[in-house]
Amino acid sequence: NSSFFTVGNHEFNQPNWKVEPTTVKTLAGDFYYDFSKAYIPEKEIPISISSLAGDVHILVPENLEFQVHASVKAGDIDIVGQSVDGINRSLSYATPNYDSASRKINLTLKLKAGSIRVDYV
């Protein structure tokens, strides 16, 4: 279970990158996760990102079950077409088969300022 505190960009888009439980706290930085290229174990995997400023962009394959709890103090959130923007916004989303799936991603995304996007690939 990795936890780190940094400034900078985080890109997870290498072929077969391994998805592991992660907690990240950062001052500023951009995050890019491409789960369509990932090796994802058969379990529920929590990923938590909190940042003062930055952008989070996540790509999810159609066959991956996931849930997201996203919040921004100032900014915008777009999760597979559902969107909110402004001050103190939050959005939660779960795929229809999330509860029954063995392999799934549980995302918690918190930004003070910035944007959160989750798109299907």
C-alpha atoms as a PDB file:
ATOM      1  CA  ASN A   1       0.000   0.000   0.000  1.00  0.00           C
ATOM      2  CA  SER A   2       1.937   3.002  -1.259  1.00  0.00           C
ATOM      3  CA  SER A   3       1.470   6.494   0.100  1.00  0.00           C
ATOM      4  CA  PHE A   4       3.440   9.492  -1.020  1.00  0.00           C
ATOM      5  CA  PHE A   5       3.438  13.262  -0.820  1.00  0.00           C
ATOM      6  CA  THR A   6       4.763  15.050  -3.876  1.00  0.00           C
ATOM      7  CA  VAL A   7       4.539  17.832  -6.392  1.00  0.00           C
ATOM      8  CA  GLY A   8       4.490  16.887 -10.045  1.00  0.00           C
ATOM      9  CA  ASN A   9       2.822  14.771 -12.652  1.00  0.00           C
ATOM     10  CA  HIS A  10       1.820  11.149 -12.271  1.00  0.00           C
ATOM     11  CA  GLU A  11       1.187   9.082 -15.362  1.00  0.00           C
ATOM     12  CA  PHE A  12       0.043   5.487 -15.188  1.00  0.00           C
ATOM     13  CA  ASN A  13      -0.214   4.426 -18.807  1.00  0.00           C
ATOM     14  CA  GLN A  14       2.537   1.873 -19.382  1.00  0.00           C
ATOM     15  CA  PRO A  15       1.506  -1.507 -20.849  1.00  0.00           C
ATOM     16  CA  ASN A  16       0.541  -3.908 -18.024  1.00  0.00           C
ATOM     17  CA  TRP A  17       1.138  -1.443 -15.197  1.00  0.00           C
ATOM     18  CA  LYS A  18      -0.043  -3.091 -11.994  1.00  0.00           C
ATOM     19  CA  VAL A  19      -2.981  -1.543 -10.175  1.00  0.00           C
ATOM     20  CA  GLU A  20      -2.397  -1.514  -6.419  1.00  0.00           C
ATOM     21  CA  PRO A  21      -4.083   0.157  -3.449  1.00  0.00           C
ATOM     22  CA  THR A  22      -2.774   3.717  -3.471  1.00  0.00           C
ATOM     23  CA  THR A  23      -3.101   6.822  -1.353  1.00  0.00           C
ATOM     24  CA  VAL A  24      -1.606  10.017  -2.753  1.00  0.00           C
ATOM     25  CA  LYS A  25      -1.544  13.430  -1.106  1.00  0.00           C
ATOM     26  CA  THR A  26      -0.009  16.196  -3.169  1.00  0.00           C
ATOM     27  CA  LEU A  27       0.291  19.956  -3.199  1.00  0.00           C
ATOM     28  CA  ALA A  28      -0.036  20.271  -6.950  1.00  0.00           C
ATOM     29  CA  GLY A  29       0.106  17.908  -9.851  1.00  0.00           C
ATOM     30  CA  ASP A  30      -1.680  16.231 -12.688  1.00  0.00           C
ATOM     31  CA  PHE A  31      -2.753  12.611 -12.650  1.00  0.00           C
ATOM     32  CA  TYR A  32      -3.344  10.445 -15.673  1.00  0.00           C
ATOM     33  CA  TYR A  33      -4.506   6.851 -15.226  1.00  0.00           C
ATOM     34  CA  ASP A  34      -5.226   4.574 -18.181  1.00  0.00           C
ATOM     35  CA  PHE A  35      -6.868   1.449 -16.770  1.00  0.00           C
ATOM     36  CA  SER A  36      -7.319  -0.032 -20.256  1.00  0.00           C
ATOM     37  CA  LYS A  37      -3.567  -0.767 -20.284  1.00  0.00           C
ATOM     38  CA  ALA A  38      -3.366  -1.995 -16.705  1.00  0.00           C
ATOM     39  CA  TYR A  39      -3.048  -5.381 -15.094  1.00  0.00           C
ATOM     40  CA  ILE A  40      -5.889  -5.361 -12.549  1.00  0.00           C
ATOM     41  CA  PRO A  41      -6.003  -8.114  -9.898  1.00  0.00           C
ATOM     42  CA  GLU A  42      -9.303  -9.852  -9.058  1.00  0.00           C
ATOM     43  CA  LYS A  43     -10.234  -7.798  -5.997  1.00  0.00           C
ATOM     44  CA  GLU A  44     -11.520  -4.419  -4.938  1.00  0.00           C
ATOM     45  CA  ILE A  45      -8.710  -1.872  -5.214  1.00  0.00           C
ATOM     46  CA  PRO A  46      -8.998   1.473  -3.435  1.00  0.00           C
ATOM     47  CA  ILE A  47      -7.239   4.466  -4.988  1.00  0.00           C
ATOM     48  CA  SER A  48      -7.340   7.765  -3.138  1.00  0.00           C
ATOM     49  CA  ILE A  49      -5.977  11.041  -4.514  1.00  0.00           C
ATOM     50  CA  SER A  50      -6.118  14.370  -2.746  1.00  0.00           C
ATOM     51  CA  SER A  51      -4.466  17.501  -4.084  1.00  0.00           C
ATOM     52  CA  LEU A  52      -4.574  21.233  -3.516  1.00  0.00           C
ATOM     53  CA  ALA A  53      -4.393  21.980  -7.226  1.00  0.00           C
ATOM     54  CA  GLY A  54      -4.325  19.856 -10.322  1.00  0.00           C
ATOM     55  CA  ASP A  55      -6.172  17.801 -12.854  1.00  0.00           C
ATOM     56  CA  VAL A  56      -7.130  14.157 -12.640  1.00  0.00           C
ATOM     57  CA  HIS A  57      -7.915  12.310 -15.866  1.00  0.00           C
ATOM     58  CA  ILE A  58      -8.857   8.639 -15.744  1.00  0.00           C
ATOM     59  CA  LEU A  59      -9.547   6.332 -18.678  1.00  0.00           C
ATOM     60  CA  VAL A  60     -11.610   3.222 -17.966  1.00  0.00           C
ATOM     61  CA  PRO A  61     -12.337   0.302 -20.298  1.00  0.00           C
ATOM     62  CA  GLU A  62     -16.037  -0.497 -20.806  1.00  0.00           C
ATOM     63  CA  ASN A  63     -15.720  -3.895 -19.076  1.00  0.00           C
ATOM     64  CA  LEU A  64     -14.206  -2.600 -15.822  1.00  0.00           C
ATOM     65  CA  GLU A  65     -16.497  -2.105 -12.845  1.00  0.00           C
ATOM     66  CA  PHE A  66     -15.672   0.989 -10.807  1.00  0.00           C
ATOM     67  CA  GLN A  67     -17.053   3.546  -8.412  1.00  0.00           C
ATOM     68  CA  VAL A  68     -15.969   7.141  -7.897  1.00  0.00           C
ATOM     69  CA  HIS A  69     -16.459   9.646  -5.113  1.00  0.00           C
ATOM     70  CA  ALA A  70     -15.154  12.938  -6.490  1.00  0.00           C
ATOM     71  CA  SER A  71     -15.159  16.372  -4.917  1.00  0.00           C
ATOM     72  CA  VAL A  72     -13.721  19.789  -5.757  1.00  0.00           C
ATOM     73  CA  LYS A  73     -13.705  22.993  -3.732  1.00  0.00           C
ATOM     74  CA  ALA A  74     -13.490  24.948  -6.988  1.00  0.00           C
ATOM     75  CA  GLY A  75     -13.534  23.375 -10.410  1.00  0.00           C
ATOM     76  CA  ASP A  76     -15.347  20.784 -12.439  1.00  0.00           C
ATOM     77  CA  ILE A  77     -16.074  17.072 -12.415  1.00  0.00           C
ATOM     78  CA  ASP A  78     -17.088  14.910 -15.377  1.00  0.00           C
ATOM     79  CA  ILE A  79     -17.683  11.205 -14.800  1.00  0.00           C
ATOM     80  CA  VAL A  80     -18.628   9.312 -17.970  1.00  0.00           C
ATOM     81  CA  GLY A  81     -20.860  12.146 -19.138  1.00  0.00           C
ATOM     82  CA  GLN A  82     -22.317  13.298 -15.826  1.00  0.00           C
ATOM     83  CA  SER A  83     -20.883  16.649 -14.866  1.00  0.00           C
ATOM     84  CA  VAL A  84     -20.970  19.420 -12.276  1.00  0.00           C
ATOM     85  CA  ASP A  85     -18.894  22.567 -11.890  1.00  0.00           C
ATOM     86  CA  GLY A  86     -18.513  25.500  -9.545  1.00  0.00           C
ATOM     87  CA  ILE A  87     -17.801  25.802  -5.835  1.00  0.00           C
ATOM     88  CA  ASN A  88     -17.959  22.872  -3.394  1.00  0.00           C
ATOM     89  CA  ARG A  89     -19.129  20.311  -5.937  1.00  0.00           C
ATOM     90  CA  SER A  90     -19.151  16.571  -5.570  1.00  0.00           C
ATOM     91  CA  LEU A  91     -20.269  13.677  -7.713  1.00  0.00           C
ATOM     92  CA  SER A  92     -20.525   9.965  -7.016  1.00  0.00           C
ATOM     93  CA  TYR A  93     -20.949   7.243  -9.575  1.00  0.00           C
ATOM     94  CA  ALA A  94     -20.898   3.452  -9.590  1.00  0.00           C
ATOM     95  CA  THR A  95     -21.231   1.071 -12.506  1.00  0.00           C
ATOM     96  CA  PRO A  96     -24.406  -1.086 -12.383  1.00  0.00           C
ATOM     97  CA  ASN A  97     -22.555  -4.332 -11.569  1.00  0.00           C
ATOM     98  CA  TYR A  98     -20.060  -2.835  -9.125  1.00  0.00           C
ATOM     99  CA  ASP A  99     -21.297  -4.643  -6.014  1.00  0.00           C
ATOM    100  CA  SER A 100     -21.254  -8.099  -7.573  1.00  0.00           C
ATOM    101  CA  ALA A 101     -17.937  -7.776  -9.442  1.00  0.00           C
ATOM    102  CA  SER A 102     -14.784  -9.391  -8.075  1.00  0.00           C
ATOM    103  CA  ARG A 103     -12.438  -7.080  -9.980  1.00  0.00           C
ATOM    104  CA  LYS A 104     -13.185  -3.416  -9.381  1.00  0.00           C
ATOM    105  CA  ILE A 105     -11.653  -0.021  -8.709  1.00  0.00           C
ATOM    106  CA  ASN A 106     -12.814   2.226  -5.868  1.00  0.00           C
ATOM    107  CA  LEU A 107     -11.720   5.824  -6.554  1.00  0.00           C
ATOM    108  CA  THR A 108     -11.761   8.677  -4.050  1.00  0.00           C
ATOM    109  CA  LEU A 109     -10.711  11.953  -5.661  1.00  0.00           C
ATOM    110  CA  LYS A 110     -10.506  15.254  -3.776  1.00  0.00           C
ATOM    111  CA  LEU A 111      -9.201  18.517  -5.204  1.00  0.00           C
ATOM    112  CA  LYS A 112      -9.141  21.992  -3.738  1.00  0.00           C
ATOM    113  CA  ALA A 113      -8.931  23.469  -7.242  1.00  0.00           C
ATOM    114  CA  GLY A 114      -8.896  21.713 -10.577  1.00  0.00           C
ATOM    115  CA  SER A 115     -10.772  19.253 -12.704  1.00  0.00           C
ATOM    116  CA  ILE A 116     -11.629  15.571 -12.487  1.00  0.00           C
ATOM    117  CA  ARG A 117     -12.532  13.569 -15.584  1.00  0.00           C
ATOM    118  CA  VAL A 118     -13.390   9.913 -15.944  1.00  0.00           C
ATOM    119  CA  ASP A 119     -13.927   8.696 -19.505  1.00  0.00           C
ATOM    120  CA  TYR A 120     -14.591   5.359 -21.142  1.00  0.00           C
ATOM    121  CA  VAL A 121     -12.061   4.197 -23.735  1.00  0.00           C
END
